[in-house]
Each structure stands twice: as C-alpha cells, then as structure tokens.
Amino acid sequence: MTTFKQQFQQLLLTQPRYNLKQVAVENCGYADTAVKSGNCYYTFGAFYCEDVLYVRYSRKCTDCVDVTLCVGCEACTGCMDCVNCFLVAYSINCQNCVDSKYCSDCFGCTNCFGCVGLYQKKYCIFNVPYSKTDYHAKLATINIHDPAQRAEILKKVEILKQTVPLLNVHQFKCENTIGENLAECGNCYQCYDGFNLENCFYCIETNGNQDSCDLTVCFETERCYSSVQSPMNNNCNFLLHTDQSNDSEFCAYSKNLKNCFGCVYLANKEYYILNKPYSPAEYQKRVAEIKQELITNH
C-alpha cells in the first residue's frame, strides 16, 4: 500500500515548479520572493518595496540599490542591516541616519563619513568632529570612486571598529525580544532578520507574523508552524511555497486553499486531500487517519 509520504512525493513530481515566487506585485519581472512590491529589478526578497534594484530581503525600502536586510530605508546604496535611513551609502547596522557614508553602528547621525559607534552626531569624519564648512571641504578631497582611496577608507573604518565598543545585538523598537537584526517586534524569541513580529519563536527572515513558530521567509502569517516561503496564511502547518491559505497542512506550490491536506499545485480549493476532493466529514476522518499514520511511522 502506498503511504501518504509516497503519494505526496509523487504529486511533487507531476508538474514543473515555477521559477519566481511573487504575491501582489507590479512590474517585478526579475524579482524572486517579492510580496506587495512594485518596480523591483533583480531582487531576492522584496517586501513592501518600491523602485529598488539588487536588493535582498529588505522591507519597506524605496529608491534603494544593493541593500541587504534593511528596513524602512530610502535612497540608500550598498547598505546592510540598516533601519530608517535616508541617503546613506556603504554602511552597516545604522539606524535613523541621514546623508552619511561608510558608517557602522551609528544611530541618529547626520552628515557623517567613516564613523563607528556614534550617537546623534553631525559632521564627523572617522569619528572626528568638524564644522559644517570644514566637513564639506574635507569630503571634497575624498574620491570614493577611486579604488585605492576606497580601500584606504575601509581600512580606516576597520581599525576604528577596534577602538570603540560595538553592540552585540541590533534591535529597533523591540520589546521583550531575543534575536538579532529585528525591528518593531514584541515577545519574540530566537528570531533573526525580522520586522513587525509578535509572539513568534525561531523565525528567520520574516515580517508581519503573529503567534507563529519555525517560519522561514514567511510574511503576514498568523498561527502557523514550520513553513517556508509561504506568505499570508492563517492556522497552517508544514507549508512550502503556499500562500493566502487557511486551516491547511502539508501543502506545496499552492495558493488560496482552505482545509486542504497534502496538496500540491492547487489553487482556490477547499476540503482536498492529495489533490482529491472530499466532503467535510470525510475530510476530517481521513486527515485524522493520515496523521495517525505519520505518527506511527515516524
């Protein structure tokens, strides 16, 4: 007798898998894992983003190029793990900064260059304060497009990092939360690279989720467990590339399902098991039998 696992594996091989994961996007032809975004090019993980290029897993970013794991940034270039920054370039782990370059672990800074670990400072170069006039005059002598000068800048920043204390954990507007690179999260444990999470555990690269556990690259999901690349679901478990579904389990490459179990490549279905329709009563009985089989053969 063919087991549930064997039938599920056979279904996975019946159709070619799509090459791009997109949900509610516009003009994102070369973007994978894009959700509620527009005008994204060669982007991998764009969520609520507009007019971005070469972006990876960033949220609510606008007019940005080559940024990774950034939240709420605008007109930024070459940044990583930055939050609410404007016109910032080649910086890492900065929050609420404006018109700055080559900075690290700076907070609320404006017009800073090559600075590390500063808080609400202006017109600083390599952590040395200048007047507004001297700052701009000094910057005019630096050509960041020259590879030799750029290498020297990066070298100075690395040396500076060894002289100032750096934060071990980077969080922005978080409460009762344990994890790294988190923004606007509450009551979360061991979550990483997340935004707007509440009551979540062991989640990676997720945002807008509530009351969920063991999720990877999932968004606006509630009461879900152990799912990957599955946005906008409610009360679902063990999903892969399945979105906008409710009360479903063990489904893959599907969308808009309700009360489905072990389904693959389906859309707009209710009460299906292994891609076959059931009555509500038959569905509940058969699902209970399959779950017992899975427990017994685990």
Protein backbone atom coordinates (compact mmCIF):
# COMPACT_ATOMS: atom_id res chain seq x y z
CA MET A 1 0.00 0.00 0.00
CA THR A 2 1.31 3.41 -0.96
CA THR A 3 1.87 5.63 2.05
CA PHE A 4 0.90 9.29 2.37
CA LYS A 5 4.54 10.34 2.10
CA GLN A 6 4.99 8.39 -1.13
CA GLN A 7 1.83 9.83 -2.68
CA PHE A 8 2.84 13.34 -1.68
CA GLN A 9 6.29 12.89 -3.24
CA GLN A 10 4.72 11.60 -6.45
CA LEU A 11 2.47 14.68 -6.65
CA LEU A 12 5.51 16.94 -6.31
CA LEU A 13 6.93 15.39 -9.48
CA THR A 14 3.83 15.78 -11.63
CA GLN A 15 4.46 19.39 -12.69
CA PRO A 16 7.41 21.74 -13.22
CA ARG A 17 7.88 24.18 -10.36
CA TYR A 18 7.61 27.90 -11.03
CA ASN A 19 10.85 29.86 -11.09
CA LEU A 20 9.66 33.01 -9.27
CA LYS A 21 7.69 33.48 -6.06
CA GLN A 22 5.60 36.65 -6.31
CA VAL A 23 2.49 37.78 -4.43
CA ALA A 24 0.61 41.02 -5.15
CA VAL A 25 3.42 42.70 -7.10
CA GLU A 26 3.64 45.00 -10.12
CA ASN A 27 6.45 45.30 -12.66
CA CYS A 28 8.77 42.88 -10.83
CA GLY A 29 9.65 40.60 -13.72
CA TYR A 30 13.13 39.76 -12.45
CA ALA A 31 12.34 39.54 -8.73
CA ASP A 32 12.05 36.37 -6.69
CA THR A 33 10.20 36.21 -3.37
CA ALA A 34 8.52 39.57 -3.86
CA VAL A 35 5.46 40.48 -1.82
CA LYS A 36 3.32 43.61 -2.16
CA SER A 37 6.07 45.46 -4.02
CA GLY A 38 6.46 47.38 -7.27
CA ASN A 39 9.19 48.19 -9.79
CA CYS A 40 11.77 45.79 -8.37
CA TYR A 41 14.61 44.53 -10.53
CA TYR A 42 16.90 41.59 -9.84
CA THR A 43 15.71 41.50 -6.27
CA PHE A 44 15.53 38.49 -3.95
CA GLY A 45 13.16 39.14 -1.08
CA ALA A 46 11.35 42.46 -1.52
CA PHE A 47 8.50 43.18 0.85
CA TYR A 48 6.51 46.41 0.56
CA CYS A 49 9.36 47.85 -1.53
CA GLU A 50 9.18 50.32 -4.40
CA ASP A 51 11.71 51.18 -7.11
CA VAL A 52 14.62 49.07 -5.86
CA LEU A 53 17.49 47.30 -7.62
CA TYR A 54 19.67 44.40 -6.47
CA VAL A 55 18.00 44.15 -3.07
CA ARG A 56 17.95 41.13 -0.79
CA TYR A 57 15.38 40.51 1.95
CA SER A 58 14.50 44.10 2.73
CA ARG A 59 11.24 45.65 3.84
CA LYS A 60 9.55 48.99 3.17
CA CYS A 61 12.51 50.33 1.20
CA THR A 62 12.19 52.91 -1.57
CA ASP A 63 14.63 54.04 -4.29
CA CYS A 64 17.41 51.81 -2.93
CA VAL A 65 20.19 49.94 -4.70
CA ASP A 66 22.24 46.98 -3.47
CA VAL A 67 20.90 46.82 0.10
CA THR A 68 20.56 43.71 2.25
CA LEU A 69 18.31 43.13 5.27
CA CYS A 70 17.29 46.79 5.51
CA VAL A 71 14.00 48.19 6.81
CA GLY A 72 12.32 51.49 6.00
CA CYS A 73 15.28 52.94 4.09
CA GLU A 74 15.08 55.47 1.27
CA ALA A 75 17.64 56.45 -1.37
CA CYS A 76 20.28 54.18 0.17
CA THR A 77 23.09 52.33 -1.60
CA GLY A 78 25.24 49.39 -0.57
CA CYS A 79 23.88 49.13 2.98
CA MET A 80 23.31 46.14 5.25
CA ASP A 81 21.15 45.77 8.37
CA CYS A 82 20.11 49.44 8.37
CA VAL A 83 16.79 50.83 9.63
CA ASN A 84 15.02 54.10 8.76
CA CYS A 85 17.99 55.63 6.97
CA PHE A 86 17.88 58.23 4.21
CA LEU A 87 20.58 58.90 1.64
CA VAL A 88 23.03 56.56 3.38
CA ALA A 89 25.67 54.59 1.48
CA TYR A 90 28.03 51.68 2.19
CA SER A 91 27.00 51.44 5.83
CA ILE A 92 26.10 48.63 8.21
CA ASN A 93 23.97 48.39 11.36
CA CYS A 94 22.90 52.05 11.30
CA GLN A 95 19.55 53.47 12.43
CA ASN A 96 17.86 56.82 11.73
CA CYS A 97 20.89 58.19 9.90
CA VAL A 98 20.86 60.79 7.11
CA ASP A 99 23.30 61.66 4.34
CA SER A 100 26.17 59.51 5.62
CA LYS A 101 28.66 57.06 4.11
CA TYR A 102 30.86 54.18 5.27
CA CYS A 103 29.41 54.20 8.78
CA SER A 104 28.90 51.32 11.20
CA ASP A 105 26.76 51.07 14.35
CA CYS A 106 25.73 54.73 14.19
CA PHE A 107 22.39 55.99 15.47
CA GLY A 108 20.62 59.24 14.62
CA CYS A 109 23.66 60.66 12.84
CA THR A 110 23.65 63.21 10.01
CA ASN A 111 26.47 64.04 7.60
CA CYS A 112 28.96 61.51 8.94
CA PHE A 113 31.67 59.73 6.99
CA GLY A 114 33.57 56.60 8.01
CA CYS A 115 32.26 56.76 11.56
CA VAL A 116 31.73 53.92 14.04
CA GLY A 117 29.59 53.76 17.18
CA LEU A 118 28.37 57.38 17.17
CA TYR A 119 25.05 58.58 18.60
CA GLN A 120 23.25 61.68 17.31
CA LYS A 121 26.36 63.31 15.86
CA LYS A 122 26.81 65.66 12.90
CA TYR A 123 29.66 66.50 10.57
CA CYS A 124 32.11 63.81 11.71
CA ILE A 125 34.80 62.07 9.65
CA PHE A 126 36.30 58.90 11.13
CA ASN A 127 34.70 59.93 14.46
CA VAL A 128 36.45 63.34 14.44
CA PRO A 129 34.00 66.30 14.62
CA TYR A 130 34.30 69.16 12.10
CA SER A 131 32.47 72.37 11.45
CA LYS A 132 29.94 72.21 8.61
CA THR A 133 32.29 74.12 6.30
CA ASP A 134 35.36 72.06 7.14
CA TYR A 135 33.38 68.82 6.85
CA HIS A 136 32.31 69.51 3.27
CA ALA A 137 35.77 70.82 2.37
CA LYS A 138 37.37 67.63 3.72
CA LEU A 139 34.91 65.40 1.87
CA ALA A 140 35.65 67.24 -1.38
CA THR A 141 39.19 65.85 -1.23
CA ILE A 142 37.99 62.23 -0.97
CA ASN A 143 37.18 60.35 -4.16
CA ILE A 144 35.19 57.25 -3.24
CA HIS A 145 35.23 56.16 -6.87
CA ASP A 146 39.00 55.68 -6.75
CA PRO A 147 39.68 52.04 -5.77
CA ALA A 148 42.81 52.97 -3.83
CA GLN A 149 41.06 55.64 -1.78
CA ARG A 150 38.08 53.39 -1.21
CA ALA A 151 40.34 50.64 0.10
CA GLU A 152 42.00 53.12 2.44
CA ILE A 153 38.60 54.25 3.73
CA LEU A 154 37.54 50.70 4.51
CA LYS A 155 40.86 50.04 6.23
CA LYS A 156 40.45 53.08 8.47
CA VAL A 157 36.90 52.04 9.38
CA GLU A 158 38.06 48.54 10.35
CA ILE A 159 40.80 49.99 12.54
CA LEU A 160 38.27 52.34 14.12
CA LYS A 161 36.00 49.41 14.95
CA GLN A 162 38.73 48.01 17.19
CA THR A 163 38.79 51.18 19.31
CA VAL A 164 35.10 51.61 20.15
CA PRO A 165 32.56 49.22 21.74
CA LEU A 166 30.08 47.72 19.26
CA LEU A 167 26.59 46.47 20.00
CA ASN A 168 26.22 42.72 20.30
CA VAL A 169 22.51 42.83 19.40
CA HIS A 170 20.83 45.16 16.92
CA GLN A 171 17.15 45.82 17.56
CA PHE A 172 14.88 48.76 16.70
CA LYS A 173 11.71 49.43 18.70
CA CYS A 174 11.57 45.90 20.11
CA GLU A 175 10.15 44.76 23.44
CA ASN A 176 10.72 41.53 25.36
CA THR A 177 12.55 40.07 22.39
CA ILE A 178 15.64 37.92 21.92
CA GLY A 179 17.25 37.87 18.49
CA GLU A 180 19.38 39.82 16.03
CA ASN A 181 18.56 42.43 13.39
CA LEU A 182 14.96 42.91 14.44
CA ALA A 183 12.68 45.92 14.02
CA GLU A 184 9.35 46.63 15.69
CA CYS A 185 8.99 43.20 17.28
CA GLY A 186 7.37 42.15 20.55
CA ASN A 187 7.50 38.97 22.63
CA CYS A 188 9.76 37.11 20.22
CA TYR A 189 12.41 34.50 20.97
CA GLN A 190 15.34 33.45 18.81
CA CYS A 191 14.15 35.37 15.77
CA TYR A 192 16.55 36.82 13.20
CA ASP A 193 16.27 39.38 10.41
CA GLY A 194 12.62 40.07 11.17
CA PHE A 195 10.25 43.03 11.06
CA ASN A 196 6.93 43.62 12.81
CA LEU A 197 6.71 40.25 14.56
CA GLU A 198 4.59 39.49 17.60
CA ASN A 199 4.63 36.37 19.77
CA CYS A 200 6.92 34.46 17.40
CA PHE A 201 9.63 31.88 18.01
CA TYR A 202 12.51 30.62 15.86
CA CYS A 203 11.68 32.70 12.79
CA ILE A 204 14.21 33.77 10.14
CA GLU A 205 13.76 36.49 7.51
CA THR A 206 10.10 37.06 8.26
CA ASN A 207 7.84 40.06 8.80
CA GLY A 208 4.29 40.87 9.81
CA ASN A 209 3.76 37.50 11.53
CA GLN A 210 1.86 36.73 14.72
CA ASP A 211 1.68 33.75 17.06
CA SER A 212 3.88 31.58 14.85
CA CYS A 213 6.89 29.31 15.20
CA ASP A 214 9.64 27.87 12.98
CA LEU A 215 9.00 30.03 9.92
CA THR A 216 11.47 30.97 7.21
CA VAL A 217 10.75 33.69 4.65
CA CYS A 218 7.07 33.98 5.60
CA PHE A 219 5.08 37.22 5.80
CA GLU A 220 1.79 38.40 7.27
CA THR A 221 1.21 34.93 8.63
CA GLU A 222 -0.73 34.08 11.77
CA ARG A 223 -0.85 30.92 13.90
CA CYS A 224 1.40 28.94 11.58
CA TYR A 225 4.15 26.42 12.21
CA SER A 226 7.13 25.06 10.28
CA SER A 227 6.63 26.72 6.91
CA VAL A 228 8.95 28.11 4.23
CA GLN A 229 8.33 30.77 1.56
CA SER A 230 4.63 30.88 2.47
CA PRO A 231 3.08 34.35 2.98
CA MET A 232 -0.33 35.45 4.18
CA ASN A 233 -1.56 32.21 5.72
CA ASN A 234 -3.62 31.53 8.82
CA ASN A 235 -3.62 28.45 11.03
CA CYS A 236 -1.46 26.38 8.67
CA ASN A 237 1.42 23.96 9.27
CA PHE A 238 4.19 22.47 7.15
CA LEU A 239 3.74 24.60 4.04
CA LEU A 240 6.19 25.17 1.20
CA HIS A 241 5.63 27.96 -1.34
CA THR A 242 1.95 28.16 -0.42
CA ASP A 243 0.19 31.46 0.19
CA GLN A 244 -3.13 33.04 1.14
CA SER A 245 -4.43 29.81 2.67
CA ASN A 246 -6.28 28.79 5.83
CA ASP A 247 -6.50 25.68 8.01
CA SER A 248 -4.26 23.61 5.74
CA GLU A 249 -1.25 21.35 6.25
CA PHE A 250 1.50 19.66 4.25
CA CYS A 251 0.82 21.66 1.09
CA ALA A 252 3.28 22.92 -1.53
CA TYR A 253 3.26 25.31 -4.50
CA SER A 254 -0.37 26.24 -3.96
CA LYS A 255 -2.48 29.26 -3.08
CA ASN A 256 -5.86 30.21 -1.67
CA LEU A 257 -6.56 26.83 -0.06
CA LYS A 258 -8.87 26.10 2.83
CA ASN A 259 -8.96 22.84 4.73
CA CYS A 260 -6.53 21.09 2.41
CA PHE A 261 -4.01 18.40 3.36
CA GLY A 262 -1.09 17.11 1.35
CA CYS A 263 -2.00 19.10 -1.76
CA VAL A 264 0.39 20.27 -4.48
CA TYR A 265 -0.04 22.77 -7.35
CA LEU A 266 -3.63 23.61 -6.39
CA ALA A 267 -5.45 26.94 -6.23
CA ASN A 268 -8.83 28.03 -4.86
CA LYS A 269 -9.73 24.65 -3.37
CA GLU A 270 -11.41 23.50 -0.18
CA TYR A 271 -11.51 20.09 1.51
CA TYR A 272 -8.91 18.38 -0.67
CA ILE A 273 -6.50 15.62 0.33
CA LEU A 274 -3.65 14.71 -2.01
CA ASN A 275 -5.38 16.78 -4.71
CA LYS A 276 -8.67 14.87 -4.43
CA PRO A 277 -11.96 16.41 -3.16
CA TYR A 278 -13.72 15.17 -0.03
CA SER A 279 -16.86 16.07 1.85
CA PRO A 280 -16.18 17.98 5.10
CA ALA A 281 -16.96 14.91 7.21
CA GLU A 282 -14.86 12.58 5.06
CA TYR A 283 -12.04 15.12 5.07
CA GLN A 284 -11.84 15.29 8.85
CA LYS A 285 -11.92 11.50 9.19
CA ARG A 286 -9.26 10.89 6.54
CA VAL A 287 -6.93 13.61 7.88
CA ALA A 288 -7.10 12.05 11.34
CA GLU A 289 -6.15 8.67 9.85
CA ILE A 290 -3.21 10.12 7.92
CA LYS A 291 -1.89 11.96 10.98
CA GLN A 292 -2.01 8.75 13.00
CA GLU A 293 -0.13 7.02 10.17
CA LEU A 294 2.53 9.71 10.20
CA ILE A 295 2.90 9.44 13.99
CA THR A 296 3.12 5.65 13.88
CA ASN A 297 5.70 5.56 11.08
CA HIS A 298 7.77 8.50 12.36
